[in-house]
N, C-alpha and C. Protein backbone atom coordinates (compact mmCIF):
# COMPACT_ATOMS: atom_id res chain seq x y z
N ASP A 1 5.41 -175.95 -174.13
CA ASP A 1 6.69 -175.56 -173.56
C ASP A 1 7.66 -175.18 -174.67
N PHE A 2 8.50 -174.20 -174.39
CA PHE A 2 9.49 -173.79 -175.37
C PHE A 2 10.76 -173.36 -174.65
N ARG A 3 11.83 -173.32 -175.43
CA ARG A 3 13.13 -172.86 -174.93
C ARG A 3 13.60 -171.74 -175.84
N LEU A 4 14.03 -170.65 -175.25
CA LEU A 4 14.52 -169.49 -176.00
C LEU A 4 16.02 -169.37 -175.75
N TYR A 5 16.80 -169.24 -176.81
CA TYR A 5 18.25 -169.12 -176.68
C TYR A 5 18.81 -168.41 -177.90
N PRO A 6 19.97 -167.81 -177.85
CA PRO A 6 20.74 -167.50 -176.65
C PRO A 6 20.08 -166.34 -175.90
N ASN A 7 20.40 -166.22 -174.66
CA ASN A 7 19.87 -165.13 -173.86
C ASN A 7 20.94 -164.71 -172.86
N PRO A 8 21.58 -163.57 -173.05
CA PRO A 8 21.25 -162.48 -173.97
C PRO A 8 21.61 -162.82 -175.42
N ALA A 9 20.99 -162.09 -176.34
CA ALA A 9 21.15 -162.34 -177.77
C ALA A 9 21.61 -161.08 -178.48
N GLN A 10 22.26 -161.28 -179.62
CA GLN A 10 22.70 -160.14 -180.43
C GLN A 10 21.85 -159.99 -181.69
N ASP A 11 21.97 -160.93 -182.62
CA ASP A 11 21.34 -160.81 -183.93
C ASP A 11 19.99 -161.52 -184.04
N GLN A 12 19.82 -162.63 -183.31
CA GLN A 12 18.58 -163.39 -183.41
C GLN A 12 18.38 -164.23 -182.16
N ILE A 13 17.12 -164.61 -181.95
CA ILE A 13 16.81 -165.59 -180.91
C ILE A 13 16.27 -166.83 -181.61
N ASN A 14 16.53 -167.97 -181.01
CA ASN A 14 16.02 -169.24 -181.50
C ASN A 14 14.99 -169.74 -180.49
N ILE A 15 13.93 -170.32 -181.00
CA ILE A 15 12.87 -170.84 -180.15
C ILE A 15 12.66 -172.30 -180.53
N SER A 16 12.83 -173.18 -179.54
CA SER A 16 12.61 -174.61 -179.73
C SER A 16 11.41 -175.04 -178.91
N PHE A 17 10.52 -175.77 -179.53
CA PHE A 17 9.32 -176.27 -178.86
C PHE A 17 9.51 -177.72 -178.46
N ALA A 18 8.84 -178.13 -177.40
CA ALA A 18 8.96 -179.49 -176.89
C ALA A 18 8.42 -180.51 -177.90
N GLN A 19 7.41 -180.12 -178.66
CA GLN A 19 6.84 -181.02 -179.66
C GLN A 19 6.16 -180.21 -180.76
N ILE A 20 6.00 -180.83 -181.90
CA ILE A 20 5.29 -180.19 -183.00
C ILE A 20 3.79 -180.29 -182.72
N THR A 21 3.10 -179.18 -182.90
CA THR A 21 1.65 -179.20 -182.75
C THR A 21 1.02 -178.87 -184.10
N ASN A 22 -0.22 -179.25 -184.25
CA ASN A 22 -0.95 -178.92 -185.47
C ASN A 22 -1.64 -177.57 -185.35
N GLU A 23 -1.53 -176.96 -184.18
CA GLU A 23 -2.15 -175.67 -183.93
C GLU A 23 -1.26 -174.54 -184.46
N LEU A 24 -1.88 -173.45 -184.85
CA LEU A 24 -1.16 -172.25 -185.22
C LEU A 24 -0.59 -171.63 -183.95
N ILE A 25 0.67 -171.31 -183.95
CA ILE A 25 1.32 -170.69 -182.79
C ILE A 25 1.61 -169.24 -183.13
N GLN A 26 1.18 -168.34 -182.26
CA GLN A 26 1.41 -166.92 -182.45
C GLN A 26 2.54 -166.48 -181.54
N LEU A 27 3.51 -165.78 -182.12
CA LEU A 27 4.63 -165.25 -181.36
C LEU A 27 4.53 -163.73 -181.36
N GLN A 28 4.84 -163.13 -180.22
CA GLN A 28 4.78 -161.67 -180.11
C GLN A 28 5.93 -161.21 -179.22
N ILE A 29 6.64 -160.19 -179.69
CA ILE A 29 7.69 -159.56 -178.89
C ILE A 29 7.20 -158.18 -178.49
N THR A 30 7.26 -157.91 -177.17
CA THR A 30 6.88 -156.60 -176.67
C THR A 30 8.04 -156.02 -175.86
N ASP A 31 8.06 -154.70 -175.77
CA ASP A 31 9.05 -154.08 -174.89
C ASP A 31 8.43 -153.96 -173.50
N TYR A 32 9.18 -153.41 -172.56
CA TYR A 32 8.70 -153.36 -171.19
C TYR A 32 7.54 -152.40 -170.96
N THR A 33 7.27 -151.52 -171.93
CA THR A 33 6.11 -150.64 -171.81
C THR A 33 4.85 -151.31 -172.34
N GLY A 34 4.99 -152.51 -172.92
CA GLY A 34 3.86 -153.24 -173.48
C GLY A 34 3.64 -153.00 -174.95
N ARG A 35 4.50 -152.19 -175.56
CA ARG A 35 4.37 -151.89 -176.99
C ARG A 35 4.78 -153.12 -177.81
N VAL A 36 3.93 -153.51 -178.75
CA VAL A 36 4.23 -154.66 -179.60
C VAL A 36 5.30 -154.27 -180.61
N ILE A 37 6.38 -155.04 -180.62
CA ILE A 37 7.50 -154.77 -181.51
C ILE A 37 7.44 -155.64 -182.76
N LYS A 38 7.16 -156.93 -182.57
CA LYS A 38 7.09 -157.89 -183.69
C LYS A 38 6.01 -158.91 -183.40
N GLU A 39 5.39 -159.40 -184.47
CA GLU A 39 4.43 -160.49 -184.39
C GLU A 39 4.65 -161.43 -185.55
N MET A 40 4.47 -162.72 -185.30
CA MET A 40 4.54 -163.69 -186.39
C MET A 40 3.77 -164.93 -185.99
N ASN A 41 3.36 -165.70 -187.00
CA ASN A 41 2.66 -166.97 -186.79
C ASN A 41 3.49 -168.09 -187.37
N ILE A 42 3.50 -169.22 -186.69
CA ILE A 42 4.17 -170.41 -187.22
C ILE A 42 3.22 -171.59 -187.07
N ASN A 43 3.46 -172.61 -187.88
CA ASN A 43 2.62 -173.79 -187.86
C ASN A 43 3.48 -175.02 -188.15
N ASN A 44 3.25 -176.08 -187.43
CA ASN A 44 3.94 -177.35 -187.64
C ASN A 44 5.45 -177.20 -187.64
N SER A 45 5.97 -176.52 -186.65
CA SER A 45 7.41 -176.31 -186.55
C SER A 45 7.87 -176.67 -185.15
N ILE A 46 9.07 -177.23 -185.06
CA ILE A 46 9.62 -177.53 -183.75
C ILE A 46 10.67 -176.48 -183.36
N GLN A 47 11.12 -175.69 -184.36
CA GLN A 47 12.10 -174.65 -184.08
C GLN A 47 11.93 -173.50 -185.06
N THR A 48 12.17 -172.29 -184.59
CA THR A 48 12.14 -171.11 -185.45
C THR A 48 13.13 -170.08 -184.91
N SER A 49 13.49 -169.13 -185.75
CA SER A 49 14.39 -168.05 -185.37
C SER A 49 13.72 -166.72 -185.66
N ILE A 50 14.03 -165.72 -184.84
CA ILE A 50 13.52 -164.37 -185.05
C ILE A 50 14.70 -163.42 -185.08
N SER A 51 14.78 -162.61 -186.13
CA SER A 51 15.84 -161.63 -186.25
C SER A 51 15.62 -160.49 -185.26
N LEU A 52 16.69 -160.07 -184.63
CA LEU A 52 16.63 -158.96 -183.67
C LEU A 52 17.41 -157.75 -184.16
N GLU A 53 17.87 -157.78 -185.40
CA GLU A 53 18.74 -156.72 -185.91
C GLU A 53 18.11 -155.34 -185.85
N ASP A 54 16.79 -155.25 -185.95
CA ASP A 54 16.13 -153.94 -185.94
C ASP A 54 15.67 -153.51 -184.55
N LEU A 55 16.04 -154.27 -183.51
CA LEU A 55 15.68 -153.91 -182.13
C LEU A 55 16.84 -153.20 -181.46
N ALA A 56 16.51 -152.22 -180.64
CA ALA A 56 17.52 -151.55 -179.82
C ALA A 56 17.91 -152.47 -178.67
N SER A 57 19.06 -152.21 -178.09
CA SER A 57 19.48 -152.98 -176.92
C SER A 57 18.47 -152.76 -175.79
N GLY A 58 18.17 -153.83 -175.06
CA GLY A 58 17.23 -153.71 -173.96
C GLY A 58 16.60 -155.04 -173.62
N THR A 59 15.63 -154.99 -172.73
CA THR A 59 14.91 -156.18 -172.28
C THR A 59 13.56 -156.24 -172.97
N TYR A 60 13.20 -157.43 -173.46
CA TYR A 60 11.96 -157.65 -174.19
C TYR A 60 11.26 -158.88 -173.63
N ILE A 61 10.00 -159.03 -174.00
CA ILE A 61 9.22 -160.19 -173.58
C ILE A 61 8.70 -160.91 -174.82
N LEU A 62 8.96 -162.21 -174.89
CA LEU A 62 8.41 -163.05 -175.95
C LEU A 62 7.19 -163.75 -175.39
N SER A 63 6.05 -163.61 -176.08
CA SER A 63 4.81 -164.30 -175.71
C SER A 63 4.51 -165.33 -176.77
N VAL A 64 4.18 -166.54 -176.33
CA VAL A 64 3.84 -167.65 -177.23
C VAL A 64 2.42 -168.08 -176.90
N PHE A 65 1.53 -167.98 -177.90
CA PHE A 65 0.13 -168.34 -177.73
C PHE A 65 -0.17 -169.54 -178.61
N ASP A 66 -0.56 -170.65 -178.00
CA ASP A 66 -0.79 -171.89 -178.77
C ASP A 66 -2.26 -172.19 -179.02
N GLY A 67 -3.12 -171.22 -178.81
CA GLY A 67 -4.54 -171.42 -179.02
C GLY A 67 -5.30 -171.58 -177.72
N THR A 68 -4.62 -172.01 -176.66
CA THR A 68 -5.28 -172.15 -175.36
C THR A 68 -4.54 -171.43 -174.24
N THR A 69 -3.22 -171.38 -174.31
CA THR A 69 -2.45 -170.75 -173.25
C THR A 69 -1.41 -169.79 -173.82
N ILE A 70 -1.07 -168.81 -173.00
CA ILE A 70 0.00 -167.87 -173.34
C ILE A 70 1.14 -168.11 -172.37
N THR A 71 2.34 -168.32 -172.91
CA THR A 71 3.54 -168.48 -172.10
C THR A 71 4.49 -167.35 -172.47
N THR A 72 5.10 -166.74 -171.47
CA THR A 72 6.01 -165.63 -171.73
C THR A 72 7.39 -165.93 -171.17
N GLN A 73 8.37 -165.30 -171.79
CA GLN A 73 9.74 -165.39 -171.31
C GLN A 73 10.45 -164.10 -171.70
N LYS A 74 11.23 -163.55 -170.79
CA LYS A 74 11.93 -162.32 -171.12
C LYS A 74 13.32 -162.67 -171.67
N PHE A 75 13.82 -161.76 -172.51
CA PHE A 75 15.17 -161.92 -173.05
C PHE A 75 15.80 -160.55 -173.18
N VAL A 76 17.11 -160.54 -173.30
CA VAL A 76 17.86 -159.30 -173.40
C VAL A 76 18.55 -159.24 -174.76
N LYS A 77 18.37 -158.11 -175.45
CA LYS A 77 19.06 -157.83 -176.71
C LYS A 77 20.26 -156.97 -176.37
N ILE A 78 21.45 -157.40 -176.77
CA ILE A 78 22.66 -156.63 -176.49
C ILE A 78 23.27 -156.11 -177.77
N TYR A 79 24.03 -155.05 -177.65
CA TYR A 79 24.74 -154.35 -178.74
C TYR A 79 23.75 -153.84 -179.74
């Protein structure tokens, strides 16, 4: 489980996880056409931030893959 904030966001989004896992977590941001915009991996973290400065305003989907499940949440980039 994770929480994404703020939403809508301007410069960055923050992602907080319910607990630290020893698994590699893959993060992916896609636009509504399914085009991959950003990808990153994190490990042993309970919180991380992703810069949105290079994204145009619009609606995006954050996918979080923990090795067994994929969880998605949409967010809006403004300005």
